[in-house]
Amino acid sequence: MKFPPLKSFACLAVFFASCALVRAIDAPVSGRHWVSLFNGKNLEGWTIKISGHSIGENYADTFRVEDGMIKVYYDKYGKFDKQFGHLFSNVAYSRYILRMEYRFTGSMMADAPSYVNLNSGVMIHAQSPQSMGLNQGFPASLEVQFLADEGKGRRSTCNVCTPGTNIEMGGKLITQHIVESSAPTFPAEEWVRVEVEVHGNEEVIYRVNGVEVLRYQRPQLDPADHTSDDLFKAGAAKLLSFGYIALQAEGQPVWFRNIELMSLEQE
């Protein structure tokens, strides 16, 4: 995927300054216990950014809180029209374990790209929503891609996708956009439990229902990508040591629940 360049370097400066502070004082999670990132009542602690819309605008009520879950809907859309959306945590994190569950429901938007079918995800080490361009579809980040069975053969969940980024595996630089995991294929409406263990810029591990399915090292910005080019100009380091967590709204209805984080920072 290719993304348009960012528009506001002032916002980028704020982003990196705030991330440096977060890294210095650490995320507000102490000890080795799980902390909920979602209060089950509203979207407090999260910020919405949908392509083509201002930061904070929940266009067409895309992200909703119902039954103690975050749900992505498209029933109030006319057309999808490349309005990719993300729901960002208000805190950047570096070393942690994130766990959550997802479940697909309904049908994708008819005019969305075909790959959107039964496809969503959570982004880690993401740039801030404040630093994104108005029409930017995806933040520079590492995606934990959620997929479900289309009835066309194996379709593993928890692959890694790399918008604006690259990774390393076994000491080799990986520049392809998607690296498949060893996870099985799940039915569309089955709840799937995902866990992501993040060690700054050193290593990231994906698990599905408690089983490791993917591992990679040295997440980094891609110098060849327009989005990353603007981040570099704003002072970003190549290796991604921290960033925001972002739930994806890609044109397919999906539900998220039990979103929790355990800090791995040293006390």
Protein backbone atom coordinates (compact mmCIF):
# COMPACT_ATOMS: atom_id res chain seq x y z
CA MET A 1 0.00 0.00 0.00
CA LYS A 2 1.12 3.56 -0.61
CA PHE A 3 0.07 6.48 1.54
CA PRO A 4 -0.02 10.25 0.95
CA PRO A 5 2.56 12.45 2.67
CA LEU A 6 1.75 14.05 6.00
CA LYS A 7 0.69 17.69 6.12
CA SER A 8 1.61 19.00 9.54
CA PHE A 9 5.18 18.94 10.80
CA ALA A 10 4.08 20.92 13.86
CA CYS A 11 1.86 18.04 14.89
CA LEU A 12 4.75 15.64 14.31
CA ALA A 13 6.97 17.66 16.62
CA VAL A 14 4.32 17.44 19.33
CA PHE A 15 4.01 13.71 18.68
CA PHE A 16 7.69 12.94 19.13
CA ALA A 17 8.04 15.23 22.12
CA SER A 18 5.11 13.53 23.83
CA CYS A 19 6.43 10.06 22.98
CA ALA A 20 9.82 10.93 24.42
CA LEU A 21 8.08 11.99 27.63
CA VAL A 22 6.02 8.82 27.72
CA ARG A 23 9.14 6.75 27.21
CA ALA A 24 10.93 8.66 29.98
CA ILE A 25 8.17 8.38 32.57
CA ASP A 26 6.81 5.09 31.18
CA ALA A 27 3.20 4.23 30.47
CA PRO A 28 0.94 4.53 33.52
CA VAL A 29 1.04 0.81 34.24
CA SER A 30 3.17 -0.46 37.12
CA GLY A 31 3.99 -3.96 38.26
CA ARG A 32 3.06 -7.15 36.48
CA HIS A 33 -0.71 -6.97 36.38
CA TRP A 34 -3.31 -6.55 33.66
CA VAL A 35 -4.92 -3.15 33.16
CA SER A 36 -7.99 -2.61 31.01
CA LEU A 37 -7.51 -0.07 28.19
CA PHE A 38 -11.27 0.22 27.64
CA ASN A 39 -13.76 1.13 30.36
CA GLY A 40 -16.67 -0.67 28.70
CA LYS A 41 -18.86 2.45 28.78
CA ASN A 42 -17.44 4.98 26.32
CA LEU A 43 -14.35 5.80 24.26
CA GLU A 44 -12.60 7.79 26.97
CA GLY A 45 -8.85 7.28 26.60
CA TRP A 46 -9.07 6.75 22.84
CA THR A 47 -8.91 9.07 19.80
CA ILE A 48 -10.58 8.48 16.44
CA LYS A 49 -8.98 9.26 13.07
CA ILE A 50 -10.86 8.35 9.89
CA SER A 51 -9.38 9.15 6.48
CA GLY A 52 -10.89 12.30 5.01
CA HIS A 53 -12.18 13.52 8.38
CA SER A 54 -10.77 15.61 11.20
CA ILE A 55 -9.16 13.97 14.18
CA GLY A 56 -11.76 13.05 16.79
CA GLU A 57 -14.67 12.91 14.32
CA ASN A 58 -16.56 9.63 14.63
CA TYR A 59 -17.93 9.79 11.10
CA ALA A 60 -21.25 7.96 10.64
CA ASP A 61 -20.95 6.56 14.16
CA THR A 62 -18.30 4.11 12.95
CA PHE A 63 -16.95 3.23 16.40
CA ARG A 64 -19.64 2.38 18.96
CA VAL A 65 -19.68 1.10 22.51
CA GLU A 66 -22.35 -1.54 23.02
CA ASP A 67 -22.66 -4.43 25.46
CA GLY A 68 -19.29 -3.60 27.02
CA MET A 69 -17.52 -3.91 23.66
CA ILE A 70 -16.11 -1.64 20.94
CA LYS A 71 -17.99 -2.33 17.73
CA VAL A 72 -17.24 -1.12 14.20
CA TYR A 73 -20.33 -0.55 12.04
CA TYR A 74 -21.03 0.77 8.53
CA ASP A 75 -24.83 0.85 8.50
CA LYS A 76 -24.84 4.68 8.36
CA TYR A 77 -22.42 4.90 5.41
CA GLY A 78 -23.55 5.56 1.85
CA LYS A 79 -20.26 4.38 0.35
CA PHE A 80 -17.03 3.36 2.00
CA ASP A 81 -15.02 5.58 -0.34
CA LYS A 82 -11.61 4.68 1.16
CA GLN A 83 -12.59 6.03 4.56
CA PHE A 84 -10.21 3.80 6.50
CA GLY A 85 -10.41 4.43 10.23
CA HIS A 86 -8.43 3.79 13.39
CA LEU A 87 -9.16 4.16 17.09
CA PHE A 88 -5.92 5.16 18.85
CA SER A 89 -4.94 4.80 22.48
CA ASN A 90 -4.12 8.17 24.03
CA VAL A 91 -0.91 6.74 25.49
CA ALA A 92 2.15 5.45 23.63
CA TYR A 93 3.67 2.21 24.88
CA SER A 94 7.05 0.51 24.47
CA ARG A 95 7.37 -2.78 26.36
CA TYR A 96 4.17 -4.62 27.14
CA ILE A 97 1.82 -7.50 26.45
CA LEU A 98 -1.48 -6.58 24.82
CA ARG A 99 -4.34 -9.06 24.85
CA MET A 100 -7.82 -8.81 23.38
CA GLU A 101 -10.52 -10.71 21.54
CA TYR A 102 -12.13 -10.01 18.17
CA ARG A 103 -15.11 -11.32 16.21
CA PHE A 104 -16.33 -10.48 12.71
CA THR A 105 -19.98 -9.86 11.95
CA GLY A 106 -22.01 -8.80 8.93
CA SER A 107 -20.67 -7.99 5.47
CA MET A 108 -17.96 -5.69 4.17
CA MET A 109 -18.80 -2.45 2.38
CA ALA A 110 -19.52 -3.21 -1.28
CA ASP A 111 -17.08 -0.60 -2.63
CA ALA A 112 -14.23 -1.45 -0.26
CA PRO A 113 -11.19 -3.30 -1.67
CA SER A 114 -11.77 -7.06 -1.92
CA TYR A 115 -9.04 -7.80 0.65
CA VAL A 116 -11.17 -6.02 3.28
CA ASN A 117 -13.55 -8.99 3.47
CA LEU A 118 -13.40 -10.46 7.00
CA ASN A 119 -10.28 -8.39 7.61
CA SER A 120 -9.39 -6.06 10.47
CA GLY A 121 -6.58 -5.73 12.99
CA VAL A 122 -4.79 -3.85 15.72
CA MET A 123 -1.81 -1.61 15.01
CA ILE A 124 1.16 -1.36 17.38
CA HIS A 125 4.04 1.14 17.50
CA ALA A 126 1.75 3.44 15.48
CA GLN A 127 2.38 7.12 14.83
CA SER A 128 -0.03 9.43 16.63
CA PRO A 129 -3.36 10.39 15.03
CA GLN A 130 -2.31 14.05 15.40
CA SER A 131 0.62 13.42 13.06
CA MET A 132 -1.44 11.85 10.28
CA GLY A 133 -2.47 13.67 7.12
CA LEU A 134 -6.17 14.38 6.57
CA ASN A 135 -6.49 11.77 3.84
CA GLN A 136 -3.90 9.31 5.13
CA GLY A 137 -5.44 5.85 5.19
CA PHE A 138 -3.12 4.02 7.59
CA PRO A 139 -0.65 5.13 10.27
CA ALA A 140 2.97 4.07 9.99
CA SER A 141 2.84 1.03 12.26
CA LEU A 142 3.00 -2.74 12.59
CA GLU A 143 -0.34 -4.45 12.13
CA VAL A 144 -1.55 -7.59 13.84
CA GLN A 145 -3.87 -8.57 11.00
CA PHE A 146 -7.15 -10.29 11.89
CA LEU A 147 -8.62 -12.55 9.19
CA ALA A 148 -11.38 -15.16 8.98
CA ASP A 149 -12.41 -17.99 6.69
CA GLU A 150 -13.76 -17.00 3.27
CA GLY A 151 -14.32 -20.60 2.22
CA LYS A 152 -11.40 -20.44 -0.22
CA GLY A 153 -8.76 -22.39 1.70
CA ARG A 154 -6.28 -21.54 4.42
CA ARG A 155 -6.40 -17.92 5.67
CA SER A 156 -4.28 -17.56 8.78
CA THR A 157 -5.02 -14.82 11.26
CA CYS A 158 -2.42 -12.66 13.06
CA ASN A 159 -0.18 -12.06 10.08
CA VAL A 160 2.05 -8.99 10.26
CA CYS A 161 1.39 -6.12 7.83
CA THR A 162 3.82 -3.22 7.55
CA PRO A 163 2.32 0.14 6.48
CA GLY A 164 5.25 2.54 6.29
CA THR A 165 7.52 0.06 8.06
CA ASN A 166 9.83 -2.93 7.69
CA ILE A 167 10.84 -5.73 10.07
CA GLU A 168 13.68 -8.20 10.46
CA MET A 169 13.41 -11.96 10.87
CA GLY A 170 16.44 -14.07 11.70
CA GLY A 171 18.75 -11.15 10.99
CA LYS A 172 17.34 -10.50 7.51
CA LEU A 173 15.48 -7.34 6.50
CA ILE A 174 11.92 -8.13 5.37
CA THR A 175 10.39 -5.55 3.03
CA GLN A 176 7.30 -7.44 1.83
CA HIS A 177 4.06 -5.94 3.08
CA ILE A 178 2.58 -9.11 4.61
CA VAL A 179 4.27 -12.02 6.38
CA GLU A 180 1.91 -14.87 7.17
CA SER A 181 1.70 -16.47 10.59
CA SER A 182 1.32 -20.14 11.45
CA ALA A 183 -2.13 -19.56 12.97
CA PRO A 184 -5.12 -21.61 11.86
CA THR A 185 -8.13 -20.33 9.94
CA PHE A 186 -11.12 -19.38 12.09
CA PRO A 187 -14.84 -19.09 11.24
CA ALA A 188 -16.01 -15.50 10.76
CA GLU A 189 -18.20 -15.19 13.86
CA GLU A 190 -15.97 -17.07 16.32
CA TRP A 191 -14.32 -15.08 19.11
CA VAL A 192 -10.52 -15.30 18.77
CA ARG A 193 -8.11 -14.43 21.59
CA VAL A 194 -4.96 -12.56 20.54
CA GLU A 195 -1.86 -11.65 22.51
CA VAL A 196 0.99 -9.39 21.36
CA GLU A 197 4.23 -9.26 23.34
CA VAL A 198 6.28 -6.17 22.50
CA HIS A 199 9.88 -5.52 23.55
CA GLY A 200 10.52 -2.01 22.27
CA ASN A 201 12.59 -2.15 19.07
CA GLU A 202 14.03 -5.58 19.88
CA GLU A 203 11.35 -8.21 19.31
CA VAL A 204 7.60 -8.68 18.85
CA ILE A 205 5.71 -11.95 19.37
CA TYR A 206 2.15 -12.77 18.23
CA ARG A 207 0.04 -15.46 19.93
CA VAL A 208 -3.41 -16.82 19.09
CA ASN A 209 -5.43 -18.60 21.78
CA GLY A 210 -2.21 -18.90 23.80
CA VAL A 211 -0.03 -20.37 21.02
CA GLU A 212 2.86 -18.46 19.42
CA VAL A 213 2.25 -17.98 15.68
CA LEU A 214 4.76 -15.29 14.62
CA ARG A 215 7.93 -13.60 15.85
CA TYR A 216 10.00 -10.78 14.35
CA GLN A 217 12.69 -8.32 15.35
CA ARG A 218 13.81 -4.72 14.90
CA PRO A 219 10.55 -3.04 13.74
CA GLN A 220 11.58 0.05 11.80
CA LEU A 221 10.36 2.84 9.55
CA ASP A 222 10.72 2.21 5.80
CA PRO A 223 12.91 4.94 4.23
CA ALA A 224 11.28 4.29 0.84
CA ASP A 225 7.76 5.06 2.08
CA HIS A 226 6.36 8.61 1.78
CA THR A 227 4.78 8.50 5.25
CA SER A 228 8.03 7.45 6.89
CA ASP A 229 9.96 10.03 4.89
CA ASP A 230 7.96 12.80 6.54
CA LEU A 231 8.42 11.21 9.95
CA PHE A 232 12.17 11.12 9.40
CA LYS A 233 12.12 14.81 8.49
CA ALA A 234 10.34 15.48 11.78
CA GLY A 235 13.12 13.76 13.72
CA ALA A 236 11.93 10.17 14.07
CA ALA A 237 14.45 7.41 14.71
CA LYS A 238 14.54 4.55 12.22
CA LEU A 239 13.96 1.82 14.80
CA LEU A 240 10.49 1.88 16.36
CA SER A 241 10.88 1.73 20.13
CA PHE A 242 7.38 2.88 21.09
CA GLY A 243 4.09 4.01 19.64
CA TYR A 244 0.32 3.97 19.93
CA ILE A 245 -2.12 1.08 19.83
CA ALA A 246 -4.88 1.46 17.22
CA LEU A 247 -7.96 -0.66 16.49
CA GLN A 248 -8.78 -0.82 12.81
CA ALA A 249 -11.95 0.01 10.87
CA GLU A 250 -11.20 -1.12 7.34
CA GLY A 251 -14.65 -1.54 5.79
CA GLN A 252 -15.69 -4.77 7.54
CA PRO A 253 -17.89 -4.78 10.68
CA VAL A 254 -15.97 -6.20 13.64
CA TRP A 255 -16.25 -6.33 17.44
CA PHE A 256 -13.45 -5.99 20.03
CA ARG A 257 -13.58 -6.88 23.71
CA ASN A 258 -11.41 -7.56 26.79
CA ILE A 259 -8.68 -5.15 25.69
CA GLU A 260 -5.99 -5.33 28.37
CA LEU A 261 -2.33 -4.46 28.75
CA MET A 262 0.46 -5.62 31.06
CA SER A 263 3.54 -3.43 31.28
CA LEU A 264 6.93 -5.11 30.87
CA GLU A 265 8.87 -1.99 31.82
CA GLN A 266 11.30 -2.34 34.70
CA GLU A 267 10.11 -0.68 37.88
